[in-house]
């Protein structure tokens, strides 16, 4: 006859539960030793802006947010489409003005190809006509670099809760 393990012995087995949607890991739970559950949300972000300084500033802000990670960057429209196709992020932070096609054109292409992709417009051109056009083509958020930059962490947290 085989010995039956006690409940205490059973809980000392380590294992990981991974919750996915459309082949992307959304959350992972780790159970180790005595029942202890930790949750780590993962949000992958691509930064698209022709200014290296802006990309670095945004990356620094994102590095402070648990579970949010920059997985790619682009400085023009051609790189933008390519890096999003390659990395398949959850969120894109996109400028309107950049070399090549405009950010609005990039937005249209990305939303046509990746409907579920969340796109945050972060621009120095917060004019109402740009804002209306961006929302028309599927932008989820529209922020001004000059006076709404500090809202970016709150927006990312809000997206993470959706």
N, C-alpha and C. Protein backbone atom coordinates (compact mmCIF):
# COMPACT_ATOMS: atom_id res chain seq x y z
N UNK A 1 0.84 -1.18 0.00
CA UNK A 1 0.00 0.00 0.00
C UNK A 1 0.89 1.25 0.00
N UNK A 2 0.57 2.22 -0.89
CA UNK A 2 1.32 3.47 -0.98
C UNK A 2 0.88 4.44 0.10
N UNK A 3 1.84 5.19 0.67
CA UNK A 3 1.46 6.17 1.69
C UNK A 3 0.72 7.34 1.05
N UNK A 4 -0.27 7.86 1.73
CA UNK A 4 -1.03 9.01 1.24
C UNK A 4 -0.37 10.27 1.79
N UNK A 5 0.01 11.20 0.90
CA UNK A 5 0.67 12.41 1.38
C UNK A 5 -0.30 13.28 2.17
N UNK A 6 0.25 13.99 3.13
CA UNK A 6 -0.59 14.91 3.90
C UNK A 6 -0.85 16.15 3.07
N UNK A 7 -1.84 16.95 3.47
CA UNK A 7 -2.13 18.20 2.75
C UNK A 7 -0.93 19.14 2.78
N UNK A 8 -0.21 19.13 3.88
CA UNK A 8 0.96 19.99 3.99
C UNK A 8 1.99 19.63 2.92
N UNK A 9 2.18 18.35 2.67
CA UNK A 9 3.13 17.91 1.64
C UNK A 9 2.65 18.33 0.26
N UNK A 10 1.39 18.25 0.01
CA UNK A 10 0.86 18.60 -1.31
C UNK A 10 1.13 20.06 -1.63
N UNK A 11 0.97 20.96 -0.66
CA UNK A 11 1.14 22.38 -0.92
C UNK A 11 2.59 22.79 -1.12
N UNK A 12 3.53 21.90 -0.86
CA UNK A 12 4.92 22.26 -1.06
C UNK A 12 5.40 21.99 -2.48
N UNK A 13 4.52 21.65 -3.36
CA UNK A 13 4.86 21.47 -4.76
C UNK A 13 4.74 22.83 -5.44
N UNK A 14 5.75 23.24 -6.18
CA UNK A 14 5.73 24.52 -6.89
C UNK A 14 5.12 24.32 -8.28
N UNK A 15 4.26 25.26 -8.67
CA UNK A 15 3.74 25.22 -10.03
C UNK A 15 3.30 26.61 -10.43
N UNK A 16 3.12 26.80 -11.73
CA UNK A 16 2.76 28.10 -12.26
C UNK A 16 1.51 27.94 -13.12
N UNK A 17 0.56 28.85 -12.92
CA UNK A 17 -0.65 28.88 -13.74
C UNK A 17 -0.53 30.10 -14.64
N UNK A 18 -0.69 29.91 -15.94
CA UNK A 18 -0.56 31.01 -16.88
C UNK A 18 -1.91 31.21 -17.57
N UNK A 19 -2.41 32.45 -17.53
CA UNK A 19 -3.67 32.78 -18.18
C UNK A 19 -3.33 33.50 -19.48
N UNK A 20 -3.86 32.97 -20.59
CA UNK A 20 -3.55 33.55 -21.89
C UNK A 20 -4.83 33.92 -22.63
N UNK A 21 -4.67 34.80 -23.60
CA UNK A 21 -5.75 35.16 -24.52
C UNK A 21 -5.07 35.44 -25.85
N UNK A 22 -5.54 34.79 -26.87
CA UNK A 22 -4.98 34.96 -28.21
C UNK A 22 -3.46 34.80 -28.21
N UNK A 23 -2.99 33.76 -27.55
CA UNK A 23 -1.59 33.38 -27.50
C UNK A 23 -0.68 34.40 -26.81
N UNK A 24 -1.25 35.31 -26.00
CA UNK A 24 -0.45 36.27 -25.24
C UNK A 24 -0.68 36.01 -23.76
N UNK A 25 0.42 35.96 -23.01
CA UNK A 25 0.30 35.76 -21.57
C UNK A 25 -0.23 37.05 -20.95
N UNK A 26 -1.33 36.95 -20.21
CA UNK A 26 -1.90 38.11 -19.55
C UNK A 26 -1.50 38.17 -18.09
N UNK A 27 -1.58 37.05 -17.41
CA UNK A 27 -1.24 37.00 -15.99
C UNK A 27 -0.63 35.66 -15.67
N UNK A 28 0.22 35.66 -14.67
CA UNK A 28 0.74 34.38 -14.21
C UNK A 28 0.63 34.35 -12.70
N UNK A 29 0.30 33.21 -12.19
CA UNK A 29 0.19 33.00 -10.75
C UNK A 29 1.21 31.93 -10.38
N UNK A 30 1.96 32.16 -9.34
CA UNK A 30 2.93 31.18 -8.88
C UNK A 30 2.55 30.76 -7.48
N UNK A 31 2.48 29.46 -7.28
CA UNK A 31 2.19 28.92 -5.96
C UNK A 31 3.44 28.16 -5.53
N UNK A 32 4.02 28.57 -4.40
CA UNK A 32 5.26 27.97 -3.92
C UNK A 32 5.11 27.64 -2.44
N UNK A 33 5.71 26.56 -2.04
CA UNK A 33 5.74 26.18 -0.63
C UNK A 33 4.38 26.27 -0.01
N UNK A 34 4.31 26.82 1.20
CA UNK A 34 2.99 27.02 1.79
C UNK A 34 2.20 27.94 0.87
N UNK A 35 0.92 27.76 0.77
CA UNK A 35 0.15 28.53 -0.22
C UNK A 35 0.44 30.03 -0.17
N UNK A 36 1.07 30.49 -1.24
CA UNK A 36 1.42 31.90 -1.37
C UNK A 36 1.22 32.23 -2.83
N UNK A 37 0.34 33.13 -3.13
CA UNK A 37 0.03 33.44 -4.52
C UNK A 37 0.54 34.83 -4.84
N UNK A 38 1.27 34.92 -5.96
CA UNK A 38 1.70 36.22 -6.44
C UNK A 38 1.12 36.42 -7.83
N UNK A 39 0.78 37.65 -8.15
CA UNK A 39 0.22 37.93 -9.46
C UNK A 39 1.08 38.97 -10.15
N UNK A 40 1.39 38.71 -11.40
CA UNK A 40 2.20 39.64 -12.17
C UNK A 40 1.53 39.85 -13.51
N UNK A 41 0.96 41.04 -13.73
CA UNK A 41 0.35 41.36 -15.02
C UNK A 41 1.47 41.77 -15.97
N UNK A 42 1.32 41.43 -17.21
CA UNK A 42 2.34 41.76 -18.20
C UNK A 42 1.69 42.56 -19.32
N UNK A 43 2.21 43.76 -19.56
CA UNK A 43 1.75 44.61 -20.65
C UNK A 43 2.98 45.00 -21.46
N UNK A 44 2.99 44.62 -22.72
CA UNK A 44 4.11 44.93 -23.60
C UNK A 44 3.80 46.17 -24.42
N UNK A 45 4.76 47.10 -24.46
CA UNK A 45 4.56 48.40 -25.08
C UNK A 45 5.62 48.66 -26.14
N UNK A 46 5.21 49.28 -27.25
CA UNK A 46 6.12 49.76 -28.29
C UNK A 46 6.02 51.27 -28.33
N UNK A 47 7.18 51.94 -28.38
CA UNK A 47 7.25 53.40 -28.44
C UNK A 47 7.58 53.83 -29.86
N UNK A 48 6.77 54.75 -30.40
CA UNK A 48 7.01 55.24 -31.76
C UNK A 48 7.04 56.77 -31.72
N UNK A 49 8.24 57.31 -31.83
CA UNK A 49 8.44 58.76 -31.80
C UNK A 49 9.79 59.03 -32.44
N UNK A 50 9.87 60.09 -33.23
CA UNK A 50 11.15 60.40 -33.88
C UNK A 50 12.18 60.99 -32.92
N UNK A 51 11.75 61.40 -31.73
CA UNK A 51 12.66 61.98 -30.75
C UNK A 51 13.17 60.90 -29.79
N UNK A 52 14.48 60.67 -29.82
CA UNK A 52 15.10 59.72 -28.90
C UNK A 52 14.88 60.16 -27.46
N UNK A 53 14.94 61.46 -27.21
CA UNK A 53 14.75 62.00 -25.87
C UNK A 53 13.36 61.64 -25.33
N UNK A 54 12.34 61.79 -26.16
CA UNK A 54 10.97 61.44 -25.74
C UNK A 54 10.86 59.95 -25.49
N UNK A 55 11.41 59.14 -26.39
CA UNK A 55 11.34 57.68 -26.20
C UNK A 55 12.03 57.28 -24.89
N UNK A 56 13.18 57.88 -24.61
CA UNK A 56 13.88 57.58 -23.36
C UNK A 56 13.07 58.00 -22.14
N UNK A 57 12.46 59.17 -22.21
CA UNK A 57 11.64 59.65 -21.08
C UNK A 57 10.45 58.73 -20.84
N UNK A 58 9.77 58.34 -21.91
CA UNK A 58 8.63 57.44 -21.77
C UNK A 58 9.09 56.08 -21.24
N UNK A 59 10.20 55.58 -21.76
CA UNK A 59 10.73 54.29 -21.28
C UNK A 59 11.06 54.35 -19.79
N UNK A 60 11.60 55.47 -19.32
CA UNK A 60 11.89 55.63 -17.90
C UNK A 60 10.61 55.62 -17.07
N UNK A 61 9.59 56.27 -17.54
CA UNK A 61 8.30 56.28 -16.84
C UNK A 61 7.74 54.86 -16.78
N UNK A 62 7.78 54.17 -17.90
CA UNK A 62 7.24 52.80 -17.97
C UNK A 62 8.03 51.86 -17.06
N UNK A 63 9.33 52.07 -16.95
CA UNK A 63 10.15 51.18 -16.11
C UNK A 63 9.73 51.24 -14.65
N UNK A 64 9.05 52.29 -14.25
CA UNK A 64 8.57 52.43 -12.86
C UNK A 64 7.26 51.69 -12.62
N UNK A 65 6.59 51.26 -13.69
CA UNK A 65 5.29 50.60 -13.56
C UNK A 65 5.48 49.08 -13.52
N UNK A 66 5.06 48.42 -12.45
CA UNK A 66 5.21 46.97 -12.39
C UNK A 66 4.38 46.27 -13.46
N UNK A 67 5.01 45.32 -14.13
CA UNK A 67 4.30 44.53 -15.13
C UNK A 67 4.18 45.18 -16.49
N UNK A 68 4.76 46.37 -16.68
CA UNK A 68 4.72 47.06 -17.97
C UNK A 68 6.14 47.11 -18.50
N UNK A 69 6.29 46.71 -19.77
CA UNK A 69 7.64 46.57 -20.33
C UNK A 69 7.69 47.10 -21.76
N UNK A 70 8.72 47.89 -22.06
CA UNK A 70 8.95 48.35 -23.44
C UNK A 70 9.65 47.22 -24.19
N UNK A 71 9.03 46.77 -25.27
CA UNK A 71 9.60 45.66 -26.04
C UNK A 71 10.07 46.08 -27.42
N UNK A 72 9.87 47.36 -27.77
CA UNK A 72 10.33 47.82 -29.07
C UNK A 72 10.19 49.32 -29.21
N UNK A 73 10.96 49.87 -30.13
CA UNK A 73 10.94 51.31 -30.40
C UNK A 73 11.09 51.53 -31.89
N UNK A 74 10.54 52.65 -32.36
CA UNK A 74 10.69 53.05 -33.76
C UNK A 74 10.75 54.56 -33.83
N UNK A 75 11.49 55.07 -34.84
CA UNK A 75 11.63 56.52 -34.99
C UNK A 75 10.99 57.05 -36.27
N UNK A 76 10.43 56.16 -37.09
CA UNK A 76 9.75 56.60 -38.31
C UNK A 76 8.64 55.61 -38.66
N UNK A 77 7.85 55.95 -39.65
CA UNK A 77 6.66 55.14 -39.98
C UNK A 77 7.01 53.74 -40.49
N UNK A 78 8.08 53.60 -41.25
CA UNK A 78 8.44 52.27 -41.76
C UNK A 78 8.87 51.34 -40.63
N UNK A 79 9.72 51.87 -39.74
CA UNK A 79 10.13 51.08 -38.58
C UNK A 79 8.93 50.75 -37.70
N UNK A 80 8.00 51.70 -37.58
CA UNK A 80 6.83 51.53 -36.71
C UNK A 80 6.02 50.29 -37.07
N UNK A 81 5.65 50.19 -38.32
CA UNK A 81 4.84 49.05 -38.77
C UNK A 81 5.62 47.75 -38.57
N UNK A 82 6.89 47.78 -38.94
CA UNK A 82 7.74 46.59 -38.84
C UNK A 82 7.88 46.10 -37.39
N UNK A 83 8.17 47.03 -36.47
CA UNK A 83 8.39 46.62 -35.08
C UNK A 83 7.10 46.11 -34.44
N UNK A 84 5.97 46.68 -34.79
CA UNK A 84 4.70 46.21 -34.23
C UNK A 84 4.38 44.82 -34.77
N UNK A 85 4.60 44.60 -36.04
CA UNK A 85 4.37 43.26 -36.61
C UNK A 85 5.28 42.22 -35.96
N UNK A 86 6.51 42.60 -35.71
CA UNK A 86 7.49 41.68 -35.15
C UNK A 86 7.22 41.37 -33.67
N UNK A 87 6.89 42.40 -32.89
CA UNK A 87 6.78 42.22 -31.44
C UNK A 87 5.37 41.95 -30.94
N UNK A 88 4.35 42.33 -31.70
CA UNK A 88 2.94 42.15 -31.33
C UNK A 88 2.65 42.65 -29.90
N UNK A 89 2.81 43.96 -29.68
CA UNK A 89 2.61 44.51 -28.34
C UNK A 89 1.13 44.60 -27.97
N UNK A 90 0.88 44.91 -26.72
CA UNK A 90 -0.48 45.17 -26.25
C UNK A 90 -0.84 46.64 -26.44
N UNK A 91 0.17 47.51 -26.34
CA UNK A 91 -0.02 48.96 -26.40
C UNK A 91 1.06 49.59 -27.26
N UNK A 92 0.65 50.59 -28.04
CA UNK A 92 1.60 51.41 -28.81
C UNK A 92 1.41 52.85 -28.35
N UNK A 93 2.53 53.52 -28.07
CA UNK A 93 2.51 54.95 -27.79
C UNK A 93 3.09 55.62 -29.02
N UNK A 94 2.26 56.44 -29.68
CA UNK A 94 2.53 56.90 -31.04
C UNK A 94 2.49 58.42 -31.14
N UNK A 95 3.49 58.99 -31.80
CA UNK A 95 3.52 60.43 -32.09
C UNK A 95 2.83 60.66 -33.44
N UNK A 96 2.34 61.89 -33.65
CA UNK A 96 1.68 62.22 -34.92
C UNK A 96 2.68 62.58 -36.00
N UNK A 97 3.67 63.39 -35.64
CA UNK A 97 4.66 63.86 -36.63
C UNK A 97 5.92 63.02 -36.55
N UNK A 98 6.30 62.45 -37.70
CA UNK A 98 7.52 61.63 -37.77
C UNK A 98 7.94 61.51 -39.23
N UNK A 99 9.18 61.13 -39.48
CA UNK A 99 9.61 60.92 -40.87
C UNK A 99 8.79 59.82 -41.54
N UNK A 100 8.58 59.97 -42.84
CA UNK A 100 7.77 59.01 -43.58
C UNK A 100 6.31 59.40 -43.49
N UNK A 101 5.46 58.42 -43.35
CA UNK A 101 4.04 58.71 -43.22
C UNK A 101 3.75 59.33 -41.85
N UNK A 102 2.63 60.00 -41.75
CA UNK A 102 2.26 60.61 -40.47
C UNK A 102 1.83 59.54 -39.47
N UNK A 103 1.81 59.93 -38.21
CA UNK A 103 1.33 59.04 -37.17
C UNK A 103 -0.13 58.65 -37.38
N UNK A 104 -0.91 59.53 -37.97
CA UNK A 104 -2.31 59.21 -38.25
C UNK A 104 -2.39 58.08 -39.27
N UNK A 105 -1.54 58.12 -40.29
CA UNK A 105 -1.52 57.04 -41.28
C UNK A 105 -1.05 55.74 -40.65
N UNK A 106 -0.06 55.82 -39.78
CA UNK A 106 0.42 54.64 -39.06
C UNK A 106 -0.71 54.08 -38.18
N UNK A 107 -1.40 54.96 -37.50
CA UNK A 107 -2.54 54.57 -36.67
C UNK A 107 -3.57 53.79 -37.49
N UNK A 108 -3.94 54.31 -38.63
CA UNK A 108 -4.93 53.64 -39.50
C UNK A 108 -4.46 52.23 -39.88
N UNK A 109 -3.21 52.12 -40.29
CA UNK A 109 -2.68 50.82 -40.70
C UNK A 109 -2.65 49.84 -39.53
N UNK A 110 -2.19 50.31 -38.38
CA UNK A 110 -2.10 49.42 -37.22
C UNK A 110 -3.47 48.95 -36.77
N UNK A 111 -4.44 49.85 -36.73
CA UNK A 111 -5.79 49.46 -36.29
C UNK A 111 -6.46 48.53 -37.30
N UNK A 112 -6.16 48.70 -38.58
CA UNK A 112 -6.69 47.78 -39.60
C UNK A 112 -6.11 46.38 -39.44
N UNK A 113 -4.85 46.30 -39.08
CA UNK A 113 -4.17 45.01 -38.96
C UNK A 113 -4.30 44.38 -37.57
N UNK A 114 -4.35 45.22 -36.55
CA UNK A 114 -4.39 44.74 -35.16
C UNK A 114 -5.53 45.44 -34.42
N UNK A 115 -6.74 44.95 -34.59
CA UNK A 115 -7.93 45.61 -34.02
C UNK A 115 -7.87 45.75 -32.50
N UNK A 116 -7.31 44.75 -31.81
CA UNK A 116 -7.30 44.76 -30.35
C UNK A 116 -6.18 45.64 -29.76
N UNK A 117 -5.27 46.08 -30.58
CA UNK A 117 -4.14 46.88 -30.13
C UNK A 117 -4.62 48.21 -29.54
N UNK A 118 -4.12 48.54 -28.36
CA UNK A 118 -4.43 49.82 -27.73
C UNK A 118 -3.39 50.83 -28.19
N UNK A 119 -3.86 51.99 -28.65
CA UNK A 119 -2.94 53.01 -29.15
C UNK A 119 -3.16 54.32 -28.40
N UNK A 120 -2.07 54.81 -27.84
CA UNK A 120 -2.05 56.09 -27.14
C UNK A 120 -1.32 57.08 -28.04
N UNK A 121 -1.99 58.15 -28.44
CA UNK A 121 -1.32 59.21 -29.18
C UNK A 121 -0.70 60.15 -28.15
N UNK A 122 0.60 60.40 -28.30
CA UNK A 122 1.33 61.33 -27.43
C UNK A 122 2.01 62.32 -28.36
N UNK A 123 1.53 63.57 -28.37
CA UNK A 123 1.94 64.50 -29.41
C UNK A 123 2.18 65.92 -28.91
N UNK A 124 2.95 66.67 -29.69
CA UNK A 124 3.12 68.11 -29.49
C UNK A 124 2.08 68.89 -30.28
N UNK A 125 1.18 68.19 -30.95
CA UNK A 125 0.15 68.81 -31.78
C UNK A 125 -1.24 68.42 -31.26
N UNK A 126 -1.62 68.97 -30.11
CA UNK A 126 -2.89 68.56 -29.50
C UNK A 126 -4.12 69.29 -30.04
N UNK A 127 -4.07 69.67 -31.30
CA UNK A 127 -5.15 70.44 -31.90
C UNK A 127 -6.39 69.57 -32.10
N UNK A 128 -7.54 70.20 -32.01
CA UNK A 128 -8.82 69.46 -32.06
C UNK A 128 -8.99 68.67 -33.35
N UNK A 129 -8.51 69.18 -34.48
CA UNK A 129 -8.66 68.44 -35.74
C UNK A 129 -7.84 67.15 -35.73
N UNK A 130 -6.63 67.19 -35.14
CA UNK A 130 -5.83 65.97 -35.02
C UNK A 130 -6.48 64.99 -34.05
N UNK A 131 -6.96 65.52 -32.95
CA UNK A 131 -7.61 64.67 -31.94
C UNK A 131 -8.82 63.96 -32.54
N UNK A 132 -9.65 64.70 -33.25
CA UNK A 132 -10.84 64.12 -33.88
C UNK A 132 -10.45 63.06 -34.90
N UNK A 133 -9.44 63.34 -35.70
CA UNK A 133 -9.00 62.40 -36.73
C UNK A 133 -8.43 61.13 -36.10
N UNK A 134 -7.66 61.29 -35.04
CA UNK A 134 -7.07 60.12 -34.37
C UNK A 134 -8.15 59.24 -33.76
N UNK A 135 -9.13 59.84 -33.09
CA UNK A 135 -10.22 59.04 -32.52
C UNK A 135 -11.05 58.39 -33.63
N UNK A 136 -11.21 59.08 -34.74
CA UNK A 136 -11.95 58.52 -35.89
C UNK A 136 -11.29 57.24 -36.39
N UNK A 137 -9.96 57.21 -36.38
CA UNK A 137 -9.24 56.05 -36.90
C UNK A 137 -8.82 55.04 -35.82
N UNK A 138 -9.34 55.21 -34.62
CA UNK A 138 -9.18 54.15 -33.64
C UNK A 138 -8.24 54.38 -32.48
N UNK A 139 -7.73 55.61 -32.31
CA UNK A 139 -6.88 55.87 -31.14
C UNK A 139 -7.71 55.66 -29.88
N UNK A 140 -7.09 55.09 -28.87
CA UNK A 140 -7.78 54.86 -27.61
C UNK A 140 -7.62 56.03 -26.65
N UNK A 141 -6.48 56.73 -26.74
CA UNK A 141 -6.20 57.88 -25.90
C UNK A 141 -5.43 58.90 -26.73
N UNK A 142 -5.55 60.18 -26.35
CA UNK A 142 -4.87 61.26 -27.04
C UNK A 142 -4.33 62.21 -25.98
N UNK A 143 -2.99 62.28 -25.86
CA UNK A 143 -2.35 63.10 -24.82
C UNK A 143 -1.39 64.10 -25.44
N UNK A 144 -1.35 65.28 -24.84
CA UNK A 144 -0.41 66.32 -25.24
C UNK A 144 0.90 66.12 -24.49
N UNK A 145 2.01 66.17 -25.21
CA UNK A 145 3.32 66.04 -24.56
C UNK A 145 3.58 67.20 -23.61
N UNK A 146 3.09 68.37 -23.95
CA UNK A 146 3.42 69.55 -23.15
C UNK A 146 2.66 69.64 -21.83
N UNK A 147 1.40 69.19 -21.77
CA UNK A 147 0.68 69.37 -20.51
C UNK A 147 -0.09 68.12 -20.03
N UNK A 148 0.11 66.97 -20.68
CA UNK A 148 -0.56 65.76 -20.21
C UNK A 148 0.39 64.57 -20.09
N UNK A 149 1.68 64.83 -20.21
CA UNK A 149 2.68 63.76 -20.15
C UNK A 149 2.57 62.95 -18.85
N UNK A 150 2.29 63.64 -17.76
CA UNK A 150 2.21 62.98 -16.45
C UNK A 150 1.02 62.04 -16.35
N UNK A 151 0.07 62.12 -17.28
CA UNK A 151 -1.09 61.22 -17.27
C UNK A 151 -0.77 59.83 -17.83
N UNK A 152 0.36 59.70 -18.49
CA UNK A 152 0.71 58.45 -19.15
C UNK A 152 0.68 57.24 -18.22
N UNK A 153 1.28 57.29 -17.02
CA UNK A 153 1.20 56.12 -16.14
C UNK A 153 -0.24 55.74 -15.78
N UNK A 154 -1.08 56.73 -15.51
CA UNK A 154 -2.49 56.46 -15.17
C UNK A 154 -3.22 55.80 -16.35
N UNK A 155 -2.92 56.27 -17.56
CA UNK A 155 -3.54 55.69 -18.75
C UNK A 155 -3.12 54.22 -18.92
N UNK A 156 -1.84 53.94 -18.72
CA UNK A 156 -1.35 52.57 -18.85
C UNK A 156 -1.97 51.66 -17.78
N UNK A 157 -2.11 52.18 -16.58
CA UNK A 157 -2.75 51.41 -15.50
C UNK A 157 -4.21 51.14 -15.87
N UNK A 158 -4.89 52.15 -16.41
CA UNK A 158 -6.29 51.98 -16.83
C UNK A 158 -6.40 50.91 -17.91
N UNK A 159 -5.50 50.94 -18.89
CA UNK A 159 -5.51 49.92 -19.95
C UNK A 159 -5.30 48.54 -19.34
N UNK A 160 -4.40 48.45 -18.37
CA UNK A 160 -4.12 47.18 -17.72
C UNK A 160 -5.32 46.58 -17.00
N UNK A 161 -6.24 47.43 -16.57
CA UNK A 161 -7.44 46.96 -15.87
C UNK A 161 -8.53 46.50 -16.83
N UNK A 162 -8.40 46.83 -18.11
CA UNK A 162 -9.44 46.47 -19.10
C UNK A 162 -9.40 45.02 -19.46
